[in-house]
Amino acid sequence: MFSVYGVTGQEFSGTREEMIRVRALAKARSIRAVAQEGDELGGDSTAGVANRLNEEAVRTYLTMLPHDLERGPLYHANQIMQHHVITVLGNDDVAQAWRVLRDNQIHQAPVLDKMQLIGIVSERDLLTAINIDGGRIVESLNLRVRNVMTTPVVAAAPVTDIRRIAAVMLDHNVDGVPIINDSGRLNGFISRSDILRVVVTDPPLSLWR
């Protein structure tokens, strides 16, 4: 189960497939290539040919797999998430937020307002408002975290399948997903590294959908 949080609170709750209904997320999706649009109209574009070749390759690969291949164990978010989450506040100035990320050696942090999730801010976001030289801030715009953060932000419930979380990361091109409990409070955080660590250290894990 996924939810979407913005500055006005929870904007959506539902499955990954239903998330397309959220207007703010739909607008944030990348503009589709002209070649891909041609495929829908029946055009024999280069992208269309490539997609058909990819599908054929997948089918061929599947026929080569042993029929008794066992699927790996199912992992939920609360089994691999980071429980100690470094956060920043929406009203923190950008320089202060950058120092928090630097001091904790992290690349992103959930943004809270009155203990509620309102967004996520990354080094990339902060560098639009500060100038770094030799690891020190030499210039900073008079902006707050809420002015540069990414919002709305996709969050997941603690019992969400990590394969679906990985799919959402790819769908929305994000590097991490906050984990929110039933009360709407931040409960943990899962990054791409957390998922990769499970895949690498636990060989029986299978990423079948």
C-alpha atoms as a PDB file:
ATOM      1  CA  MET A   1       0.000   0.000   0.000  1.00  0.00           C
ATOM      2  CA  PHE A   2       1.262   3.453  -0.927  1.00  0.00           C
ATOM      3  CA  SER A   3       0.345   6.994   0.029  1.00  0.00           C
ATOM      4  CA  VAL A   4       1.258  10.455  -1.206  1.00  0.00           C
ATOM      5  CA  TYR A   5       2.002  13.330   1.157  1.00  0.00           C
ATOM      6  CA  GLY A   6       2.324  17.013   0.342  1.00  0.00           C
ATOM      7  CA  VAL A   7       2.270  20.311   2.186  1.00  0.00           C
ATOM      8  CA  THR A   8      -1.484  20.005   2.724  1.00  0.00           C
ATOM      9  CA  GLY A   9      -1.247  16.490   4.179  1.00  0.00           C
ATOM     10  CA  GLN A  10      -2.147  13.110   2.743  1.00  0.00           C
ATOM     11  CA  GLU A  11      -3.293  13.412  -0.863  1.00  0.00           C
ATOM     12  CA  PHE A  12      -3.663   9.753  -1.807  1.00  0.00           C
ATOM     13  CA  SER A  13      -3.796   6.235  -0.391  1.00  0.00           C
ATOM     14  CA  GLY A  14      -3.980   3.095  -2.491  1.00  0.00           C
ATOM     15  CA  THR A  15      -2.093   0.730  -4.721  1.00  0.00           C
ATOM     16  CA  ARG A  16       0.763   1.513  -7.073  1.00  0.00           C
ATOM     17  CA  GLU A  17      -1.570   1.151 -10.060  1.00  0.00           C
ATOM     18  CA  GLU A  18      -4.054   3.631  -8.619  1.00  0.00           C
ATOM     19  CA  MET A  19      -1.374   6.254  -8.037  1.00  0.00           C
ATOM     20  CA  ILE A  20      -1.742   7.451 -11.612  1.00  0.00           C
ATOM     21  CA  ARG A  21      -4.980   9.107 -10.495  1.00  0.00           C
ATOM     22  CA  VAL A  22      -3.096  11.658  -8.433  1.00  0.00           C
ATOM     23  CA  ARG A  23      -2.898  14.720 -10.601  1.00  0.00           C
ATOM     24  CA  ALA A  24       0.295  16.111  -9.084  1.00  0.00           C
ATOM     25  CA  LEU A  25       2.156  12.868  -9.733  1.00  0.00           C
ATOM     26  CA  ALA A  26       0.742  12.569 -13.238  1.00  0.00           C
ATOM     27  CA  LYS A  27       2.091  16.032 -14.080  1.00  0.00           C
ATOM     28  CA  ALA A  28       5.512  15.088 -12.745  1.00  0.00           C
ATOM     29  CA  ARG A  29       5.841  12.102 -15.084  1.00  0.00           C
ATOM     30  CA  SER A  30       8.345  12.473 -17.886  1.00  0.00           C
ATOM     31  CA  ILE A  31       7.020  13.562 -21.269  1.00  0.00           C
ATOM     32  CA  ARG A  32       6.824  10.576 -23.556  1.00  0.00           C
ATOM     33  CA  ALA A  33       8.990  10.436 -26.637  1.00  0.00           C
ATOM     34  CA  VAL A  34       7.395  11.046 -30.056  1.00  0.00           C
ATOM     35  CA  ALA A  35       8.494   7.596 -31.192  1.00  0.00           C
ATOM     36  CA  GLN A  36       6.619   6.012 -28.312  1.00  0.00           C
ATOM     37  CA  GLU A  37       3.472   7.951 -29.192  1.00  0.00           C
ATOM     38  CA  GLY A  38       3.776   6.618 -32.735  1.00  0.00           C
ATOM     39  CA  ASP A  39       3.669   3.077 -31.396  1.00  0.00           C
ATOM     40  CA  GLU A  40       0.244   3.690 -29.959  1.00  0.00           C
ATOM     41  CA  LEU A  41      -1.005   4.819 -33.360  1.00  0.00           C
ATOM     42  CA  GLY A  42       0.307   1.696 -35.015  1.00  0.00           C
ATOM     43  CA  GLY A  43       3.492   3.234 -36.368  1.00  0.00           C
ATOM     44  CA  ASP A  44       6.459   0.931 -36.894  1.00  0.00           C
ATOM     45  CA  SER A  45       8.899   3.175 -34.996  1.00  0.00           C
ATOM     46  CA  THR A  46      12.396   2.251 -33.888  1.00  0.00           C
ATOM     47  CA  ALA A  47      11.195   2.166 -30.272  1.00  0.00           C
ATOM     48  CA  GLY A  48       8.372  -0.186 -31.260  1.00  0.00           C
ATOM     49  CA  VAL A  49      10.751  -2.592 -32.969  1.00  0.00           C
ATOM     50  CA  ALA A  50      13.069  -2.503 -29.950  1.00  0.00           C
ATOM     51  CA  ASN A  51      10.181  -3.245 -27.588  1.00  0.00           C
ATOM     52  CA  ARG A  52       9.119  -6.266 -29.627  1.00  0.00           C
ATOM     53  CA  LEU A  53      12.694  -7.560 -29.695  1.00  0.00           C
ATOM     54  CA  ASN A  54      12.940  -7.118 -25.917  1.00  0.00           C
ATOM     55  CA  GLU A  55       9.680  -9.015 -25.381  1.00  0.00           C
ATOM     56  CA  GLU A  56      10.903 -11.846 -27.607  1.00  0.00           C
ATOM     57  CA  ALA A  57      14.169 -12.017 -25.672  1.00  0.00           C
ATOM     58  CA  VAL A  58      12.287 -12.233 -22.364  1.00  0.00           C
ATOM     59  CA  ARG A  59      10.071 -15.028 -23.661  1.00  0.00           C
ATOM     60  CA  THR A  60      13.128 -16.937 -24.861  1.00  0.00           C
ATOM     61  CA  TYR A  61      14.807 -16.497 -21.492  1.00  0.00           C
ATOM     62  CA  LEU A  62      11.739 -17.760 -19.644  1.00  0.00           C
ATOM     63  CA  THR A  63      11.637 -20.944 -21.725  1.00  0.00           C
ATOM     64  CA  MET A  64      15.208 -21.699 -20.618  1.00  0.00           C
ATOM     65  CA  LEU A  65      14.422 -21.469 -16.896  1.00  0.00           C
ATOM     66  CA  PRO A  66      13.924 -24.703 -14.959  1.00  0.00           C
ATOM     67  CA  HIS A  67      10.231 -25.306 -14.253  1.00  0.00           C
ATOM     68  CA  ASP A  68      10.885 -26.135 -10.608  1.00  0.00           C
ATOM     69  CA  LEU A  69      12.597 -22.789  -9.920  1.00  0.00           C
ATOM     70  CA  GLU A  70      11.587 -21.717  -6.426  1.00  0.00           C
ATOM     71  CA  ARG A  71      10.741 -18.150  -5.694  1.00  0.00           C
ATOM     72  CA  GLY A  72      12.684 -16.467  -2.936  1.00  0.00           C
ATOM     73  CA  PRO A  73      11.196 -15.219   0.323  1.00  0.00           C
ATOM     74  CA  LEU A  74       8.942 -12.193   0.369  1.00  0.00           C
ATOM     75  CA  TYR A  75      10.373  -9.160   2.141  1.00  0.00           C
ATOM     76  CA  HIS A  76       8.355  -6.298   3.531  1.00  0.00           C
ATOM     77  CA  ALA A  77       9.489  -2.734   4.079  1.00  0.00           C
ATOM     78  CA  ASN A  78       9.672  -3.060   7.864  1.00  0.00           C
ATOM     79  CA  GLN A  79      12.183  -5.922   7.534  1.00  0.00           C
ATOM     80  CA  ILE A  80      14.837  -3.920   5.677  1.00  0.00           C
ATOM     81  CA  MET A  81      14.049  -0.248   6.305  1.00  0.00           C
ATOM     82  CA  GLN A  82      16.257   2.155   8.212  1.00  0.00           C
ATOM     83  CA  HIS A  83      14.583   2.698  11.581  1.00  0.00           C
ATOM     84  CA  HIS A  84      16.689   5.682  12.611  1.00  0.00           C
ATOM     85  CA  VAL A  85      15.779   8.321  10.051  1.00  0.00           C
ATOM     86  CA  ILE A  86      17.518  11.677   9.765  1.00  0.00           C
ATOM     87  CA  THR A  87      14.945  14.364   8.962  1.00  0.00           C
ATOM     88  CA  VAL A  88      14.830  18.104   8.385  1.00  0.00           C
ATOM     89  CA  LEU A  89      12.032  20.609   8.888  1.00  0.00           C
ATOM     90  CA  GLY A  90      10.279  22.533   6.180  1.00  0.00           C
ATOM     91  CA  ASN A  91      11.220  25.824   7.832  1.00  0.00           C
ATOM     92  CA  ASP A  92      14.935  24.979   8.169  1.00  0.00           C
ATOM     93  CA  ASP A  93      17.128  27.181   6.017  1.00  0.00           C
ATOM     94  CA  VAL A  94      18.838  25.448   3.105  1.00  0.00           C
ATOM     95  CA  ALA A  95      22.333  25.861   4.526  1.00  0.00           C
ATOM     96  CA  GLN A  96      21.330  24.190   7.789  1.00  0.00           C
ATOM     97  CA  ALA A  97      19.722  21.298   5.903  1.00  0.00           C
ATOM     98  CA  TRP A  98      22.832  20.785   3.782  1.00  0.00           C
ATOM     99  CA  ARG A  99      24.954  20.540   6.935  1.00  0.00           C
ATOM    100  CA  VAL A 100      22.588  17.894   8.334  1.00  0.00           C
ATOM    101  CA  LEU A 101      22.997  15.782   5.198  1.00  0.00           C
ATOM    102  CA  ARG A 102      26.770  16.285   5.161  1.00  0.00           C
ATOM    103  CA  ASP A 103      27.295  15.559   8.850  1.00  0.00           C
ATOM    104  CA  ASN A 104      25.249  12.353   8.644  1.00  0.00           C
ATOM    105  CA  GLN A 105      26.761  11.316   5.309  1.00  0.00           C
ATOM    106  CA  ILE A 106      23.402  10.935   3.595  1.00  0.00           C
ATOM    107  CA  HIS A 107      22.171  12.213   0.238  1.00  0.00           C
ATOM    108  CA  GLN A 108      18.516  12.895   1.041  1.00  0.00           C
ATOM    109  CA  ALA A 109      16.165  13.337   3.979  1.00  0.00           C
ATOM    110  CA  PRO A 110      12.402  13.371   4.550  1.00  0.00           C
ATOM    111  CA  VAL A 111      10.975  16.805   5.325  1.00  0.00           C
ATOM    112  CA  LEU A 112       8.556  17.162   8.245  1.00  0.00           C
ATOM    113  CA  ASP A 113       6.161  19.836   9.424  1.00  0.00           C
ATOM    114  CA  LYS A 114       4.557  19.299  12.855  1.00  0.00           C
ATOM    115  CA  MET A 115       5.760  15.681  12.722  1.00  0.00           C
ATOM    116  CA  GLN A 116       3.940  15.053   9.414  1.00  0.00           C
ATOM    117  CA  LEU A 117       5.706  14.175   6.174  1.00  0.00           C
ATOM    118  CA  ILE A 118       5.446  16.959   3.579  1.00  0.00           C
ATOM    119  CA  GLY A 119       8.290  16.207   1.162  1.00  0.00           C
ATOM    120  CA  ILE A 120      11.826  15.002   0.645  1.00  0.00           C
ATOM    121  CA  VAL A 121      14.959  17.034   0.014  1.00  0.00           C
ATOM    122  CA  SER A 122      18.176  15.889  -1.631  1.00  0.00           C
ATOM    123  CA  GLU A 123      21.652  17.302  -2.053  1.00  0.00           C
ATOM    124  CA  ARG A 124      20.690  18.094  -5.627  1.00  0.00           C
ATOM    125  CA  ASP A 125      17.717  20.160  -4.431  1.00  0.00           C
ATOM    126  CA  LEU A 126      19.819  22.075  -1.906  1.00  0.00           C
ATOM    127  CA  LEU A 127      22.571  22.835  -4.392  1.00  0.00           C
ATOM    128  CA  THR A 128      20.101  24.941  -6.364  1.00  0.00           C
ATOM    129  CA  ALA A 129      20.164  27.403  -3.451  1.00  0.00           C
ATOM    130  CA  ILE A 130      23.700  27.168  -2.047  1.00  0.00           C
ATOM    131  CA  ASN A 131      27.206  27.408  -3.449  1.00  0.00           C
ATOM    132  CA  ILE A 132      29.796  24.944  -2.120  1.00  0.00           C
ATOM    133  CA  ASP A 133      33.557  25.375  -2.363  1.00  0.00           C
ATOM    134  CA  GLY A 134      35.929  22.883  -0.768  1.00  0.00           C
ATOM    135  CA  GLY A 135      33.104  21.331   1.229  1.00  0.00           C
ATOM    136  CA  ARG A 136      32.133  24.694   2.741  1.00  0.00           C
ATOM    137  CA  ILE A 137      29.129  26.892   2.041  1.00  0.00           C
ATOM    138  CA  VAL A 138      30.400  30.126   0.492  1.00  0.00           C
ATOM    139  CA  GLU A 139      27.050  31.501  -0.617  1.00  0.00           C
ATOM    140  CA  SER A 140      23.460  30.729   0.274  1.00  0.00           C
ATOM    141  CA  LEU A 141      20.132  32.102  -0.910  1.00  0.00           C
ATOM    142  CA  ASN A 142      17.650  33.141   1.744  1.00  0.00           C
ATOM    143  CA  LEU A 143      15.414  30.124   1.181  1.00  0.00           C
ATOM    144  CA  ARG A 144      13.811  27.463   3.331  1.00  0.00           C
ATOM    145  CA  VAL A 145      13.771  23.733   2.735  1.00  0.00           C
ATOM    146  CA  ARG A 146      10.099  23.899   1.729  1.00  0.00           C
ATOM    147  CA  ASN A 147      11.122  26.180  -1.147  1.00  0.00           C
ATOM    148  CA  VAL A 148      13.432  23.610  -2.761  1.00  0.00           C
ATOM    149  CA  MET A 149      12.146  20.204  -1.590  1.00  0.00           C
ATOM    150  CA  THR A 150      10.360  17.675  -3.782  1.00  0.00           C
ATOM    151  CA  THR A 151       6.648  17.476  -2.984  1.00  0.00           C
ATOM    152  CA  PRO A 152       4.333  15.608  -3.050  1.00  0.00           C
ATOM    153  CA  VAL A 153       6.292  12.527  -2.006  1.00  0.00           C
ATOM    154  CA  VAL A 154       5.393   8.848  -2.345  1.00  0.00           C
ATOM    155  CA  ALA A 155       5.411   6.866   0.908  1.00  0.00           C
ATOM    156  CA  ALA A 156       4.725   3.204   1.676  1.00  0.00           C
ATOM    157  CA  ALA A 157       3.190   1.202   4.518  1.00  0.00           C
ATOM    158  CA  PRO A 158       5.471  -0.987   6.669  1.00  0.00           C
ATOM    159  CA  VAL A 159       4.112  -4.245   5.196  1.00  0.00           C
ATOM    160  CA  THR A 160       4.554  -3.236   1.555  1.00  0.00           C
ATOM    161  CA  ASP A 161       6.397  -5.750  -0.634  1.00  0.00           C
ATOM    162  CA  ILE A 162       9.862  -4.330  -1.368  1.00  0.00           C
ATOM    163  CA  ARG A 163       9.525  -5.415  -5.001  1.00  0.00           C
ATOM    164  CA  ARG A 164       6.626  -3.009  -5.377  1.00  0.00           C
ATOM    165  CA  ILE A 165       8.626  -0.297  -3.609  1.00  0.00           C
ATOM    166  CA  ALA A 166      11.451  -0.838  -6.111  1.00  0.00           C
ATOM    167  CA  ALA A 167       8.926  -0.533  -8.943  1.00  0.00           C
ATOM    168  CA  VAL A 168       7.650   2.789  -7.545  1.00  0.00           C
ATOM    169  CA  MET A 169      11.231   4.080  -7.340  1.00  0.00           C
ATOM    170  CA  LEU A 170      11.587   3.333 -11.043  1.00  0.00           C
ATOM    171  CA  ASP A 171       8.128   4.707 -11.905  1.00  0.00           C
ATOM    172  CA  HIS A 172       8.804   8.056 -10.265  1.00  0.00           C
ATOM    173  CA  ASN A 173      12.590   8.202 -10.575  1.00  0.00           C
ATOM    174  CA  VAL A 174      13.216   8.557  -6.836  1.00  0.00           C
ATOM    175  CA  ASP A 175      16.101   7.212  -4.776  1.00  0.00           C
ATOM    176  CA  GLY A 176      14.180   6.529  -1.585  1.00  0.00           C
ATOM    177  CA  VAL A 177      10.716   5.959  -0.139  1.00  0.00           C
ATOM    178  CA  PRO A 178       9.628   7.016   3.384  1.00  0.00           C
ATOM    179  CA  ILE A 179       7.739   4.380   5.385  1.00  0.00           C
ATOM    180  CA  ILE A 180       4.627   5.710   7.141  1.00  0.00           C
ATOM    181  CA  ASN A 181       2.656   3.945   9.899  1.00  0.00           C
ATOM    182  CA  ASP A 182      -1.128   3.832  10.287  1.00  0.00           C
ATOM    183  CA  SER A 183      -1.055   7.106  12.219  1.00  0.00           C
ATOM    184  CA  GLY A 184       0.619   8.912   9.349  1.00  0.00           C
ATOM    185  CA  ARG A 185       3.900   9.232  11.222  1.00  0.00           C
ATOM    186  CA  LEU A 186       7.314   8.547   9.726  1.00  0.00           C
ATOM    187  CA  ASN A 187       8.343   5.032  10.714  1.00  0.00           C
ATOM    188  CA  GLY A 188      11.408   4.393   8.556  1.00  0.00           C
ATOM    189  CA  PHE A 189      13.057   4.924   5.206  1.00  0.00           C
ATOM    190  CA  ILE A 190      14.115   2.655   2.335  1.00  0.00           C
ATOM    191  CA  SER A 191      16.741   3.675  -0.198  1.00  0.00           C
ATOM    192  CA  ARG A 192      17.883   1.945  -3.370  1.00  0.00           C
ATOM    193  CA  SER A 193      20.945   0.802  -1.424  1.00  0.00           C
ATOM    194  CA  ASP A 194      18.760  -0.941   1.162  1.00  0.00           C
ATOM    195  CA  ILE A 195      17.029  -2.983  -1.537  1.00  0.00           C
ATOM    196  CA  LEU A 196      20.265  -3.799  -3.329  1.00  0.00           C
ATOM    197  CA  ARG A 197      21.836  -4.880  -0.038  1.00  0.00           C
ATOM    198  CA  VAL A 198      19.096  -7.482   0.440  1.00  0.00           C
ATOM    199  CA  VAL A 199      19.475  -8.752  -3.108  1.00  0.00           C
ATOM    200  CA  VAL A 200      23.235  -9.110  -2.748  1.00  0.00           C
ATOM    201  CA  THR A 201      23.411 -10.584   0.753  1.00  0.00           C
ATOM    202  CA  ASP A 202      20.482 -12.996   0.470  1.00  0.00           C
ATOM    203  CA  PRO A 203      20.869 -15.007  -2.763  1.00  0.00           C
ATOM    204  CA  PRO A 204      17.543 -16.904  -2.386  1.00  0.00           C
ATOM    205  CA  LEU A 205      15.660 -13.629  -2.871  1.00  0.00           C
ATOM    206  CA  SER A 206      13.840 -13.639  -6.194  1.00  0.00           C
ATOM    207  CA  LEU A 207      12.518 -10.441  -7.745  1.00  0.00           C
ATOM    208  CA  TRP A 208       9.617 -12.078  -9.570  1.00  0.00           C
ATOM    209  CA  ARG A 209       6.536  -9.840  -9.613  1.00  0.00           C
END
